[in-house]
Amino acid sequence: MSTTRRISIAGLDKVPVLRALYNAAIPTVLTMPNAPILLTAEEAKAHIAINDGHIDFVRGRLIGVDLSGDDIDPILYDKYNDLPGSADSVINALRAIGDPECSQITSLQVLAAANRVAVQVR
């Protein structure tokens, strides 16, 4: 029996889920130069189809989730984005608002980046 915490994405379309996770993720040194800040629906759909829902990187942003089922394991996403509970926050905002580009989602990127800087300064 697994003790890994899972987040339900049942009832949500996978395309907005990936868009929301991407839009809240911190850009890394691997982020593609001149990559648009937000992920389009067409691009998200292509990533999901090509990878059968197993998403590691999108445009260099670390996502680390498997969208092939009705729940996701947030461990890698939260670790990559230096903010425990960030995947929960993204999915909760998406459920409440329905827009993967809403400020409640995109502002998580700023919070995570600030957390990363604070940890590095210590």
PDB file of N, CA and C in Angstrom:
ATOM      1  N   MET A   1       0.838  -1.190   0.000  1.00  0.00           N
ATOM      2  CA  MET A   1       0.000   0.000   0.000  1.00  0.00           C
ATOM      3  C   MET A   1       0.878   1.246   0.000  1.00  0.00           C
ATOM      4  N   SER A   2       0.638   2.126  -0.939  1.00  0.00           N
ATOM      5  CA  SER A   2       1.429   3.336  -1.072  1.00  0.00           C
ATOM      6  C   SER A   2       0.983   4.388  -0.068  1.00  0.00           C
ATOM      7  N   THR A   3       1.937   5.120   0.482  1.00  0.00           N
ATOM      8  CA  THR A   3       1.619   6.200   1.406  1.00  0.00           C
ATOM      9  C   THR A   3       1.775   7.557   0.726  1.00  0.00           C
ATOM     10  N   THR A   4       2.020   7.556  -0.566  1.00  0.00           N
ATOM     11  CA  THR A   4       2.189   8.795  -1.301  1.00  0.00           C
ATOM     12  C   THR A   4       0.865   9.546  -1.362  1.00  0.00           C
ATOM     13  N   ARG A   5       0.916  10.809  -1.045  1.00  0.00           N
ATOM     14  CA  ARG A   5      -0.264  11.673  -1.125  1.00  0.00           C
ATOM     15  C   ARG A   5      -0.588  11.937  -2.587  1.00  0.00           C
ATOM     16  N   ARG A   6      -1.850  11.859  -2.961  1.00  0.00           N
ATOM     17  CA  ARG A   6      -2.299  12.075  -4.326  1.00  0.00           C
ATOM     18  C   ARG A   6      -3.275  13.255  -4.345  1.00  0.00           C
ATOM     19  N   ILE A   7      -3.345  13.920  -5.483  1.00  0.00           N
ATOM     20  CA  ILE A   7      -4.284  15.020  -5.673  1.00  0.00           C
ATOM     21  C   ILE A   7      -5.246  14.608  -6.777  1.00  0.00           C
ATOM     22  N   SER A   8      -6.518  14.663  -6.483  1.00  0.00           N
ATOM     23  CA  SER A   8      -7.519  14.297  -7.478  1.00  0.00           C
ATOM     24  C   SER A   8      -7.626  15.366  -8.558  1.00  0.00           C
ATOM     25  N   ILE A   9      -7.593  14.909  -9.815  1.00  0.00           N
ATOM     26  CA  ILE A   9      -7.873  15.789 -10.945  1.00  0.00           C
ATOM     27  C   ILE A   9      -9.103  15.254 -11.701  1.00  0.00           C
ATOM     28  N   ALA A  10      -9.848  14.366 -11.027  1.00  0.00           N
ATOM     29  CA  ALA A  10     -11.059  13.789 -11.620  1.00  0.00           C
ATOM     30  C   ALA A  10     -12.023  14.915 -11.980  1.00  0.00           C
ATOM     31  N   GLY A  11     -12.598  14.813 -13.156  1.00  0.00           N
ATOM     32  CA  GLY A  11     -13.549  15.813 -13.613  1.00  0.00           C
ATOM     33  C   GLY A  11     -12.917  17.017 -14.278  1.00  0.00           C
ATOM     34  N   LEU A  12     -11.590  17.118 -14.228  1.00  0.00           N
ATOM     35  CA  LEU A  12     -10.904  18.233 -14.876  1.00  0.00           C
ATOM     36  C   LEU A  12     -10.333  17.775 -16.214  1.00  0.00           C
ATOM     37  N   ASP A  13     -10.414  18.629 -17.203  1.00  0.00           N
ATOM     38  CA  ASP A  13      -9.788  18.372 -18.495  1.00  0.00           C
ATOM     39  C   ASP A  13      -8.276  18.461 -18.290  1.00  0.00           C
ATOM     40  N   LYS A  14      -7.531  17.532 -18.861  1.00  0.00           N
ATOM     41  CA  LYS A  14      -6.073  17.456 -18.668  1.00  0.00           C
ATOM     42  C   LYS A  14      -5.351  18.668 -19.262  1.00  0.00           C
ATOM     43  N   VAL A  15      -5.888  19.238 -20.334  1.00  0.00           N
ATOM     44  CA  VAL A  15      -5.230  20.380 -20.983  1.00  0.00           C
ATOM     45  C   VAL A  15      -5.152  21.582 -20.037  1.00  0.00           C
ATOM     46  N   PRO A  16      -6.259  22.027 -19.426  1.00  0.00           N
ATOM     47  CA  PRO A  16      -6.141  23.121 -18.463  1.00  0.00           C
ATOM     48  C   PRO A  16      -5.301  22.756 -17.237  1.00  0.00           C
ATOM     49  N   VAL A  17      -5.312  21.480 -16.847  1.00  0.00           N
ATOM     50  CA  VAL A  17      -4.482  21.063 -15.708  1.00  0.00           C
ATOM     51  C   VAL A  17      -3.014  21.289 -16.038  1.00  0.00           C
ATOM     52  N   LEU A  18      -2.563  20.815 -17.201  1.00  0.00           N
ATOM     53  CA  LEU A  18      -1.167  21.021 -17.583  1.00  0.00           C
ATOM     54  C   LEU A  18      -0.858  22.498 -17.750  1.00  0.00           C
ATOM     55  N   ARG A  19      -1.757  23.226 -18.366  1.00  0.00           N
ATOM     56  CA  ARG A  19      -1.535  24.672 -18.534  1.00  0.00           C
ATOM     57  C   ARG A  19      -1.372  25.354 -17.185  1.00  0.00           C
ATOM     58  N   ALA A  20      -2.233  25.014 -16.233  1.00  0.00           N
ATOM     59  CA  ALA A  20      -2.158  25.636 -14.912  1.00  0.00           C
ATOM     60  C   ALA A  20      -0.857  25.273 -14.197  1.00  0.00           C
ATOM     61  N   LEU A  21      -0.485  23.991 -14.242  1.00  0.00           N
ATOM     62  CA  LEU A  21       0.772  23.572 -13.599  1.00  0.00           C
ATOM     63  C   LEU A  21       1.966  24.273 -14.231  1.00  0.00           C
ATOM     64  N   TYR A  22       1.975  24.362 -15.550  1.00  0.00           N
ATOM     65  CA  TYR A  22       3.063  25.057 -16.243  1.00  0.00           C
ATOM     66  C   TYR A  22       3.076  26.537 -15.870  1.00  0.00           C
ATOM     67  N   ASN A  23       1.913  27.172 -15.924  1.00  0.00           N
ATOM     68  CA  ASN A  23       1.834  28.612 -15.678  1.00  0.00           C
ATOM     69  C   ASN A  23       2.251  28.995 -14.264  1.00  0.00           C
ATOM     70  N   ALA A  24       2.170  28.051 -13.330  1.00  0.00           N
ATOM     71  CA  ALA A  24       2.580  28.315 -11.951  1.00  0.00           C
ATOM     72  C   ALA A  24       4.013  27.872 -11.666  1.00  0.00           C
ATOM     73  N   ALA A  25       4.623  27.135 -12.588  1.00  0.00           N
ATOM     74  CA  ALA A  25       5.966  26.585 -12.358  1.00  0.00           C
ATOM     75  C   ALA A  25       7.049  27.647 -12.544  1.00  0.00           C
ATOM     76  N   ILE A  26       8.127  27.479 -11.789  1.00  0.00           N
ATOM     77  CA  ILE A  26       9.259  28.391 -11.877  1.00  0.00           C
ATOM     78  C   ILE A  26      10.067  28.083 -13.140  1.00  0.00           C
ATOM     79  N   PRO A  27      10.384  29.110 -13.938  1.00  0.00           N
ATOM     80  CA  PRO A  27      11.316  28.878 -15.045  1.00  0.00           C
ATOM     81  C   PRO A  27      12.676  28.460 -14.481  1.00  0.00           C
ATOM     82  N   THR A  28      13.359  27.566 -15.182  1.00  0.00           N
ATOM     83  CA  THR A  28      14.675  27.099 -14.736  1.00  0.00           C
ATOM     84  C   THR A  28      15.733  27.531 -15.738  1.00  0.00           C
ATOM     85  N   VAL A  29      16.977  27.169 -15.455  1.00  0.00           N
ATOM     86  CA  VAL A  29      18.047  27.466 -16.402  1.00  0.00           C
ATOM     87  C   VAL A  29      17.849  26.707 -17.704  1.00  0.00           C
ATOM     88  N   LEU A  30      17.015  25.667 -17.670  1.00  0.00           N
ATOM     89  CA  LEU A  30      16.717  24.893 -18.876  1.00  0.00           C
ATOM     90  C   LEU A  30      15.584  25.488 -19.696  1.00  0.00           C
ATOM     91  N   THR A  31      14.924  26.540 -19.168  1.00  0.00           N
ATOM     92  CA  THR A  31      13.795  27.129 -19.865  1.00  0.00           C
ATOM     93  C   THR A  31      14.242  27.649 -21.220  1.00  0.00           C
ATOM     94  N   MET A  32      13.451  27.347 -22.222  1.00  0.00           N
ATOM     95  CA  MET A  32      13.785  27.745 -23.585  1.00  0.00           C
ATOM     96  C   MET A  32      13.818  29.264 -23.687  1.00  0.00           C
ATOM     97  N   PRO A  33      14.892  29.802 -24.294  1.00  0.00           N
ATOM     98  CA  PRO A  33      14.965  31.259 -24.468  1.00  0.00           C
ATOM     99  C   PRO A  33      13.772  31.740 -25.293  1.00  0.00           C
ATOM    100  N   ASN A  34      13.248  32.869 -24.927  1.00  0.00           N
ATOM    101  CA  ASN A  34      12.125  33.490 -25.632  1.00  0.00           C
ATOM    102  C   ASN A  34      10.850  32.658 -25.598  1.00  0.00           C
ATOM    103  N   ALA A  35      10.763  31.680 -24.700  1.00  0.00           N
ATOM    104  CA  ALA A  35       9.531  30.889 -24.572  1.00  0.00           C
ATOM    105  C   ALA A  35       8.446  31.796 -24.005  1.00  0.00           C
ATOM    106  N   PRO A  36       7.243  31.709 -24.568  1.00  0.00           N
ATOM    107  CA  PRO A  36       6.147  32.505 -24.004  1.00  0.00           C
ATOM    108  C   PRO A  36       5.934  32.147 -22.533  1.00  0.00           C
ATOM    109  N   ILE A  37       5.462  33.106 -21.784  1.00  0.00           N
ATOM    110  CA  ILE A  37       5.270  32.905 -20.359  1.00  0.00           C
ATOM    111  C   ILE A  37       4.168  31.894 -20.078  1.00  0.00           C
ATOM    112  N   LEU A  38       3.091  31.934 -20.836  1.00  0.00           N
ATOM    113  CA  LEU A  38       1.955  31.052 -20.610  1.00  0.00           C
ATOM    114  C   LEU A  38       1.900  29.957 -21.667  1.00  0.00           C
ATOM    115  N   LEU A  39       1.395  28.808 -21.286  1.00  0.00           N
ATOM    116  CA  LEU A  39       1.278  27.663 -22.186  1.00  0.00           C
ATOM    117  C   LEU A  39      -0.079  27.697 -22.881  1.00  0.00           C
ATOM    118  N   THR A  40      -0.085  27.519 -24.199  1.00  0.00           N
ATOM    119  CA  THR A  40      -1.343  27.518 -24.941  1.00  0.00           C
ATOM    120  C   THR A  40      -2.032  26.160 -24.821  1.00  0.00           C
ATOM    121  N   ALA A  41      -3.322  26.159 -25.086  1.00  0.00           N
ATOM    122  CA  ALA A  41      -4.087  24.912 -25.048  1.00  0.00           C
ATOM    123  C   ALA A  41      -3.575  23.930 -26.098  1.00  0.00           C
ATOM    124  N   GLU A  42      -3.253  24.421 -27.277  1.00  0.00           N
ATOM    125  CA  GLU A  42      -2.764  23.555 -28.350  1.00  0.00           C
ATOM    126  C   GLU A  42      -1.443  22.891 -27.968  1.00  0.00           C
ATOM    127  N   GLU A  43      -0.559  23.660 -27.375  1.00  0.00           N
ATOM    128  CA  GLU A  43       0.740  23.121 -26.966  1.00  0.00           C
ATOM    129  C   GLU A  43       0.578  22.102 -25.838  1.00  0.00           C
ATOM    130  N   ALA A  44      -0.284  22.399 -24.874  1.00  0.00           N
ATOM    131  CA  ALA A  44      -0.533  21.462 -23.777  1.00  0.00           C
ATOM    132  C   ALA A  44      -1.107  20.158 -24.308  1.00  0.00           C
ATOM    133  N   LYS A  45      -2.053  20.260 -25.216  1.00  0.00           N
ATOM    134  CA  LYS A  45      -2.667  19.064 -25.805  1.00  0.00           C
ATOM    135  C   LYS A  45      -1.628  18.211 -26.516  1.00  0.00           C
ATOM    136  N   ALA A  46      -0.716  18.858 -27.234  1.00  0.00           N
ATOM    137  CA  ALA A  46       0.341  18.130 -27.943  1.00  0.00           C
ATOM    138  C   ALA A  46       1.277  17.425 -26.963  1.00  0.00           C
ATOM    139  N   HIS A  47       1.670  18.089 -25.892  1.00  0.00           N
ATOM    140  CA  HIS A  47       2.550  17.473 -24.886  1.00  0.00           C
ATOM    141  C   HIS A  47       1.888  16.254 -24.252  1.00  0.00           C
ATOM    142  N   ILE A  48       0.619  16.377 -23.948  1.00  0.00           N
ATOM    143  CA  ILE A  48      -0.107  15.262 -23.331  1.00  0.00           C
ATOM    144  C   ILE A  48      -0.192  14.088 -24.294  1.00  0.00           C
ATOM    145  N   ALA A  49      -0.506  14.361 -25.547  1.00  0.00           N
ATOM    146  CA  ALA A  49      -0.645  13.295 -26.549  1.00  0.00           C
ATOM    147  C   ALA A  49       0.686  12.609 -26.835  1.00  0.00           C
ATOM    148  N   ILE A  50       1.731  13.376 -27.004  1.00  0.00           N
ATOM    149  CA  ILE A  50       3.045  12.821 -27.345  1.00  0.00           C
ATOM    150  C   ILE A  50       3.595  11.961 -26.213  1.00  0.00           C
ATOM    151  N   ASN A  51       3.341  12.367 -24.991  1.00  0.00           N
ATOM    152  CA  ASN A  51       3.924  11.690 -23.825  1.00  0.00           C
ATOM    153  C   ASN A  51       2.933  10.813 -23.076  1.00  0.00           C
ATOM    154  N   ASP A  52       1.780  10.537 -23.656  1.00  0.00           N
ATOM    155  CA  ASP A  52       0.743   9.722 -23.002  1.00  0.00           C
ATOM    156  C   ASP A  52       0.426  10.212 -21.591  1.00  0.00           C
ATOM    157  N   GLY A  53       0.495  11.517 -21.389  1.00  0.00           N
ATOM    158  CA  GLY A  53       0.168  12.094 -20.088  1.00  0.00           C
ATOM    159  C   GLY A  53       1.311  12.167 -19.101  1.00  0.00           C
ATOM    160  N   HIS A  54       2.452  11.557 -19.410  1.00  0.00           N
ATOM    161  CA  HIS A  54       3.620  11.588 -18.518  1.00  0.00           C
ATOM    162  C   HIS A  54       4.430  12.843 -18.835  1.00  0.00           C
ATOM    163  N   ILE A  55       4.346  13.833 -17.987  1.00  0.00           N
ATOM    164  CA  ILE A  55       4.953  15.132 -18.267  1.00  0.00           C
ATOM    165  C   ILE A  55       6.114  15.382 -17.305  1.00  0.00           C
ATOM    166  N   ASP A  56       7.312  15.409 -17.858  1.00  0.00           N
ATOM    167  CA  ASP A  56       8.485  15.755 -17.048  1.00  0.00           C
ATOM    168  C   ASP A  56       8.839  17.230 -17.214  1.00  0.00           C
ATOM    169  N   PHE A  57       9.113  17.634 -18.435  1.00  0.00           N
ATOM    170  CA  PHE A  57       9.498  19.005 -18.741  1.00  0.00           C
ATOM    171  C   PHE A  57       8.576  19.568 -19.819  1.00  0.00           C
ATOM    172  N   VAL A  58       8.295  20.853 -19.719  1.00  0.00           N
ATOM    173  CA  VAL A  58       7.620  21.586 -20.787  1.00  0.00           C
ATOM    174  C   VAL A  58       8.377  22.890 -20.937  1.00  0.00           C
ATOM    175  N   ARG A  59       8.943  23.090 -22.131  1.00  0.00           N
ATOM    176  CA  ARG A  59       9.751  24.294 -22.408  1.00  0.00           C
ATOM    177  C   ARG A  59      10.812  24.521 -21.333  1.00  0.00           C
ATOM    178  N   GLY A  60      11.344  23.463 -20.786  1.00  0.00           N
ATOM    179  CA  GLY A  60      12.381  23.571 -19.776  1.00  0.00           C
ATOM    180  C   GLY A  60      11.879  23.737 -18.351  1.00  0.00           C
ATOM    181  N   ARG A  61      10.585  23.896 -18.178  1.00  0.00           N
ATOM    182  CA  ARG A  61      10.042  23.971 -16.803  1.00  0.00           C
ATOM    183  C   ARG A  61       9.789  22.560 -16.315  1.00  0.00           C
ATOM    184  N   LEU A  62      10.181  22.313 -15.096  1.00  0.00           N
ATOM    185  CA  LEU A  62      10.035  20.990 -14.495  1.00  0.00           C
ATOM    186  C   LEU A  62       8.618  20.829 -13.956  1.00  0.00           C
ATOM    187  N   ILE A  63       7.897  19.848 -14.512  1.00  0.00           N
ATOM    188  CA  ILE A  63       6.516  19.603 -14.102  1.00  0.00           C
ATOM    189  C   ILE A  63       6.425  18.316 -13.278  1.00  0.00           C
ATOM    190  N   GLY A  64       6.925  17.211 -13.796  1.00  0.00           N
ATOM    191  CA  GLY A  64       7.046  15.972 -13.037  1.00  0.00           C
ATOM    192  C   GLY A  64       5.754  15.331 -12.577  1.00  0.00           C
ATOM    193  N   VAL A  65       4.715  15.316 -13.426  1.00  0.00           N
ATOM    194  CA  VAL A  65       3.455  14.665 -13.065  1.00  0.00           C
ATOM    195  C   VAL A  65       3.001  13.725 -14.173  1.00  0.00           C
ATOM    196  N   ASP A  66       2.155  12.804 -13.797  1.00  0.00           N
ATOM    197  CA  ASP A  66       1.542  11.867 -14.740  1.00  0.00           C
ATOM    198  C   ASP A  66       0.057  12.202 -14.803  1.00  0.00           C
ATOM    199  N   LEU A  67      -0.376  12.719 -15.944  1.00  0.00           N
ATOM    200  CA  LEU A  67      -1.763  13.136 -16.122  1.00  0.00           C
ATOM    201  C   LEU A  67      -2.632  12.046 -16.743  1.00  0.00           C
ATOM    202  N   SER A  68      -2.130  10.819 -16.790  1.00  0.00           N
ATOM    203  CA  SER A  68      -2.871   9.762 -17.478  1.00  0.00           C
ATOM    204  C   SER A  68      -4.042   9.200 -16.661  1.00  0.00           C
ATOM    205  N   GLY A  69      -4.112   9.534 -15.387  1.00  0.00           N
ATOM    206  CA  GLY A  69      -5.184   9.009 -14.540  1.00  0.00           C
ATOM    207  C   GLY A  69      -6.057  10.112 -13.967  1.00  0.00           C
ATOM    208  N   ASP A  70      -6.750   9.790 -12.888  1.00  0.00           N
ATOM    209  CA  ASP A  70      -7.646  10.747 -12.233  1.00  0.00           C
ATOM    210  C   ASP A  70      -7.025  11.418 -11.018  1.00  0.00           C
ATOM    211  N   ASP A  71      -5.738  11.140 -10.789  1.00  0.00           N
ATOM    212  CA  ASP A  71      -5.038  11.838  -9.715  1.00  0.00           C
ATOM    213  C   ASP A  71      -3.572  11.970 -10.083  1.00  0.00           C
ATOM    214  N   ILE A  72      -2.897  12.868  -9.379  1.00  0.00           N
ATOM    215  CA  ILE A  72      -1.468  13.079  -9.620  1.00  0.00           C
ATOM    216  C   ILE A  72      -0.707  12.981  -8.311  1.00  0.00           C
ATOM    217  N   ASP A  73       0.544  12.608  -8.423  1.00  0.00           N
ATOM    218  CA  ASP A  73       1.463  12.603  -7.293  1.00  0.00           C
ATOM    219  C   ASP A  73       2.188  13.952  -7.337  1.00  0.00           C
ATOM    220  N   PRO A  74       2.016  14.808  -6.332  1.00  0.00           N
ATOM    221  CA  PRO A  74       2.584  16.152  -6.375  1.00  0.00           C
ATOM    222  C   PRO A  74       4.041  16.266  -5.923  1.00  0.00           C
ATOM    223  N   ILE A  75       4.637  15.169  -5.493  1.00  0.00           N
ATOM    224  CA  ILE A  75       5.962  15.216  -4.874  1.00  0.00           C
ATOM    225  C   ILE A  75       6.990  15.942  -5.752  1.00  0.00           C
ATOM    226  N   LEU A  76       7.153  15.520  -6.996  1.00  0.00           N
ATOM    227  CA  LEU A  76       8.173  16.120  -7.853  1.00  0.00           C
ATOM    228  C   LEU A  76       7.836  17.560  -8.218  1.00  0.00           C
ATOM    229  N   TYR A  77       6.570  17.822  -8.510  1.00  0.00           N
ATOM    230  CA  TYR A  77       6.176  19.190  -8.853  1.00  0.00           C
ATOM    231  C   TYR A  77       6.486  20.133  -7.695  1.00  0.00           C
ATOM    232  N   ASP A  78       6.080  19.751  -6.494  1.00  0.00           N
ATOM    233  CA  ASP A  78       6.330  20.596  -5.326  1.00  0.00           C
ATOM    234  C   ASP A  78       7.826  20.755  -5.067  1.00  0.00           C
ATOM    235  N   LYS A  79       8.587  19.675  -5.241  1.00  0.00           N
ATOM    236  CA  LYS A  79      10.034  19.739  -5.019  1.00  0.00           C
ATOM    237  C   LYS A  79      10.694  20.648  -6.050  1.00  0.00           C
ATOM    238  N   TYR A  80      10.338  20.467  -7.312  1.00  0.00           N
ATOM    239  CA  TYR A  80      10.923  21.288  -8.383  1.00  0.00           C
ATOM    240  C   TYR A  80      10.617  22.760  -8.194  1.00  0.00           C
ATOM    241  N   ASN A  81       9.446  23.055  -7.677  1.00  0.00           N
ATOM    242  CA  ASN A  81       9.006  24.441  -7.585  1.00  0.00           C
ATOM    243  C   ASN A  81       9.195  25.040  -6.201  1.00  0.00           C
ATOM    244  N   ASP A  82       9.921  24.327  -5.336  1.00  0.00           N
ATOM    245  CA  ASP A  82      10.351  24.843  -4.029  1.00  0.00           C
ATOM    246  C   ASP A  82       9.229  25.410  -3.168  1.00  0.00           C
ATOM    247  N   LEU A  83       8.030  24.852  -3.305  1.00  0.00           N
ATOM    248  CA  LEU A  83       6.937  25.350  -2.494  1.00  0.00           C
ATOM    249  C   LEU A  83       6.016  24.190  -2.143  1.00  0.00           C
ATOM    250  N   PRO A  84       6.164  23.627  -0.941  1.00  0.00           N
ATOM    251  CA  PRO A  84       5.299  22.516  -0.545  1.00  0.00           C
ATOM    252  C   PRO A  84       3.830  22.898  -0.692  1.00  0.00           C
ATOM    253  N   GLY A  85       3.064  22.004  -1.290  1.00  0.00           N
ATOM    254  CA  GLY A  85       1.645  22.269  -1.475  1.00  0.00           C
ATOM    255  C   GLY A  85       1.313  23.080  -2.706  1.00  0.00           C
ATOM    256  N   SER A  86       2.310  23.378  -3.533  1.00  0.00           N
ATOM    257  CA  SER A  86       2.015  24.220  -4.694  1.00  0.00           C
ATOM    258  C   SER A  86       1.109  23.520  -5.702  1.00  0.00           C
ATOM    259  N   ALA A  87       1.280  22.216  -5.906  1.00  0.00           N
ATOM    260  CA  ALA A  87       0.394  21.500  -6.829  1.00  0.00           C
ATOM    261  C   ALA A  87      -1.041  21.536  -6.311  1.00  0.00           C
ATOM    262  N   ASP A  88      -1.215  21.359  -5.009  1.00  0.00           N
ATOM    263  CA  ASP A  88      -2.554  21.476  -4.399  1.00  0.00           C
ATOM    264  C   ASP A  88      -3.153  22.854  -4.685  1.00  0.00           C
ATOM    265  N   SER A  89      -2.351  23.880  -4.479  1.00  0.00           N
ATOM    266  CA  SER A  89      -2.835  25.247  -4.689  1.00  0.00           C
ATOM    267  C   SER A  89      -3.255  25.479  -6.130  1.00  0.00           C
ATOM    268  N   VAL A  90      -2.466  24.951  -7.069  1.00  0.00           N
ATOM    269  CA  VAL A  90      -2.780  25.109  -8.489  1.00  0.00           C
ATOM    270  C   VAL A  90      -4.105  24.418  -8.819  1.00  0.00           C
ATOM    271  N   ILE A  91      -4.240  23.162  -8.413  1.00  0.00           N
ATOM    272  CA  ILE A  91      -5.457  22.401  -8.730  1.00  0.00           C
ATOM    273  C   ILE A  91      -6.671  23.007  -8.035  1.00  0.00           C
ATOM    274  N   ASN A  92      -6.528  23.438  -6.792  1.00  0.00           N
ATOM    275  CA  ASN A  92      -7.646  24.072  -6.084  1.00  0.00           C
ATOM    276  C   ASN A  92      -8.081  25.359  -6.779  1.00  0.00           C
ATOM    277  N   ALA A  93      -7.127  26.171  -7.211  1.00  0.00           N
ATOM    278  CA  ALA A  93      -7.462  27.412  -7.931  1.00  0.00           C
ATOM    279  C   ALA A  93      -8.126  27.099  -9.270  1.00  0.00           C
ATOM    280  N   LEU A  94      -7.625  26.095  -9.964  1.00  0.00           N
ATOM    281  CA  LEU A  94      -8.224  25.713 -11.242  1.00  0.00           C
ATOM    282  C   LEU A  94      -9.662  25.241 -11.039  1.00  0.00           C
ATOM    283  N   ARG A  95      -9.900  24.450 -10.009  1.00  0.00           N
ATOM    284  CA  ARG A  95     -11.273  23.986  -9.724  1.00  0.00           C
ATOM    285  C   ARG A  95     -12.186  25.161  -9.379  1.00  0.00           C
ATOM    286  N   ALA A  96     -11.694  26.099  -8.592  1.00  0.00           N
ATOM    287  CA  ALA A  96     -12.520  27.216  -8.128  1.00  0.00           C
ATOM    288  C   ALA A  96     -12.793  28.241  -9.221  1.00  0.00           C
ATOM    289  N   ILE A  97     -11.783  28.516 -10.043  1.00  0.00           N
ATOM    290  CA  ILE A  97     -11.890  29.608 -11.003  1.00  0.00           C
ATOM    291  C   ILE A  97     -12.058  29.109 -12.438  1.00  0.00           C
ATOM    292  N   GLY A  98     -11.424  27.971 -12.741  1.00  0.00           N
ATOM    293  CA  GLY A  98     -11.569  27.382 -14.063  1.00  0.00           C
ATOM    294  C   GLY A  98     -10.663  27.959 -15.137  1.00  0.00           C
ATOM    295  N   ASP A  99      -9.822  28.906 -14.782  1.00  0.00           N
ATOM    296  CA  ASP A  99      -8.955  29.564 -15.767  1.00  0.00           C
ATOM    297  C   ASP A  99      -7.487  29.300 -15.438  1.00  0.00           C
ATOM    298  N   PRO A 100      -6.751  28.546 -16.302  1.00  0.00           N
ATOM    299  CA  PRO A 100      -5.353  28.248 -16.012  1.00  0.00           C
ATOM    300  C   PRO A 100      -4.430  29.461 -16.102  1.00  0.00           C
ATOM    301  N   GLU A 101      -4.984  30.600 -16.534  1.00  0.00           N
ATOM    302  CA  GLU A 101      -4.184  31.822 -16.613  1.00  0.00           C
ATOM    303  C   GLU A 101      -4.577  32.844 -15.548  1.00  0.00           C
ATOM    304  N   CYS A 102      -5.407  32.450 -14.581  1.00  0.00           N
ATOM    305  CA  CYS A 102      -5.845  33.397 -13.549  1.00  0.00           C
ATOM    306  C   CYS A 102      -4.670  33.799 -12.652  1.00  0.00           C
ATOM    307  N   SER A 103      -4.796  34.939 -12.029  1.00  0.00           N
ATOM    308  CA  SER A 103      -3.701  35.452 -11.201  1.00  0.00           C
ATOM    309  C   SER A 103      -3.423  34.571  -9.989  1.00  0.00           C
ATOM    310  N   GLN A 104      -4.422  33.867  -9.490  1.00  0.00           N
ATOM    311  CA  GLN A 104      -4.193  32.970  -8.357  1.00  0.00           C
ATOM    312  C   GLN A 104      -3.240  31.843  -8.732  1.00  0.00           C
ATOM    313  N   ILE A 105      -3.199  31.476  -9.989  1.00  0.00           N
ATOM    314  CA  ILE A 105      -2.289  30.432 -10.456  1.00  0.00           C
ATOM    315  C   ILE A 105      -0.951  31.034 -10.862  1.00  0.00           C
ATOM    316  N   THR A 106      -0.953  32.053 -11.695  1.00  0.00           N
ATOM    317  CA  THR A 106       0.308  32.615 -12.178  1.00  0.00           C
ATOM    318  C   THR A 106       1.121  33.262 -11.053  1.00  0.00           C
ATOM    319  N   SER A 107       0.460  33.760 -10.018  1.00  0.00           N
ATOM    320  CA  SER A 107       1.196  34.371  -8.906  1.00  0.00           C
ATOM    321  C   SER A 107       1.939  33.336  -8.068  1.00  0.00           C
ATOM    322  N   LEU A 108       1.549  32.064  -8.167  1.00  0.00           N
ATOM    323  CA  LEU A 108       2.265  31.014  -7.425  1.00  0.00           C
ATOM    324  C   LEU A 108       3.714  30.910  -7.895  1.00  0.00           C
ATOM    325  N   GLN A 109       3.960  31.213  -9.159  1.00  0.00           N
ATOM    326  CA  GLN A 109       5.319  31.202  -9.695  1.00  0.00           C
ATOM    327  C   GLN A 109       6.182  32.219  -8.950  1.00  0.00           C
ATOM    328  N   VAL A 110       5.622  33.385  -8.683  1.00  0.00           N
ATOM    329  CA  VAL A 110       6.346  34.444  -7.969  1.00  0.00           C
ATOM    330  C   VAL A 110       6.620  34.012  -6.529  1.00  0.00           C
ATOM    331  N   LEU A 111       5.623  33.429  -5.874  1.00  0.00           N
ATOM    332  CA  LEU A 111       5.807  32.959  -4.494  1.00  0.00           C
ATOM    333  C   LEU A 111       6.887  31.886  -4.413  1.00  0.00           C
ATOM    334  N   ALA A 112       6.849  30.942  -5.352  1.00  0.00           N
ATOM    335  CA  ALA A 112       7.840  29.867  -5.353  1.00  0.00           C
ATOM    336  C   ALA A 112       9.237  30.406  -5.620  1.00  0.00           C
ATOM    337  N   ALA A 113       9.345  31.337  -6.546  1.00  0.00           N
ATOM    338  CA  ALA A 113      10.654  31.932  -6.851  1.00  0.00           C
ATOM    339  C   ALA A 113      11.182  32.704  -5.643  1.00  0.00           C
ATOM    340  N   ALA A 114      10.317  33.429  -4.959  1.00  0.00           N
ATOM    341  CA  ALA A 114      10.733  34.162  -3.761  1.00  0.00           C
ATOM    342  C   ALA A 114      11.175  33.195  -2.671  1.00  0.00           C
ATOM    343  N   ASN A 115      10.470  32.084  -2.536  1.00  0.00           N
ATOM    344  CA  ASN A 115      10.843  31.065  -1.557  1.00  0.00           C
ATOM    345  C   ASN A 115      12.220  30.491  -1.889  1.00  0.00           C
ATOM    346  N   ARG A 116      12.475  30.243  -3.167  1.00  0.00           N
ATOM    347  CA  ARG A 116      13.777  29.707  -3.595  1.00  0.00           C
ATOM    348  C   ARG A 116      14.898  30.676  -3.242  1.00  0.00           C
ATOM    349  N   VAL A 117      14.690  31.952  -3.487  1.00  0.00           N
ATOM    350  CA  VAL A 117      15.710  32.967  -3.169  1.00  0.00           C
ATOM    351  C   VAL A 117      15.931  33.029  -1.672  1.00  0.00           C
ATOM    352  N   ALA A 118      14.847  33.012  -0.894  1.00  0.00           N
ATOM    353  CA  ALA A 118      14.969  33.077   0.566  1.00  0.00           C
ATOM    354  C   ALA A 118      15.768  31.902   1.107  1.00  0.00           C
ATOM    355  N   VAL A 119      15.545  30.722   0.565  1.00  0.00           N
ATOM    356  CA  VAL A 119      16.269  29.528   1.013  1.00  0.00           C
ATOM    357  C   VAL A 119      17.748  29.644   0.648  1.00  0.00           C
ATOM    358  N   GLN A 120      18.051  30.182  -0.536  1.00  0.00           N
ATOM    359  CA  GLN A 120      19.439  30.305  -0.969  1.00  0.00           C
ATOM    360  C   GLN A 120      20.197  31.341  -0.161  1.00  0.00           C
ATOM    361  N   VAL A 121      19.512  32.371   0.325  1.00  0.00           N
ATOM    362  CA  VAL A 121      20.145  33.443   1.086  1.00  0.00           C
ATOM    363  C   VAL A 121      20.525  32.960   2.484  1.00  0.00           C
ATOM    364  N   ARG A 122      19.735  32.036   3.040  1.00  0.00           N
ATOM    365  CA  ARG A 122      20.008  31.575   4.403  1.00  0.00           C
ATOM    366  C   ARG A 122      21.336  30.929   4.545  1.00  0.00           C
TER     367      ARG A 122
END
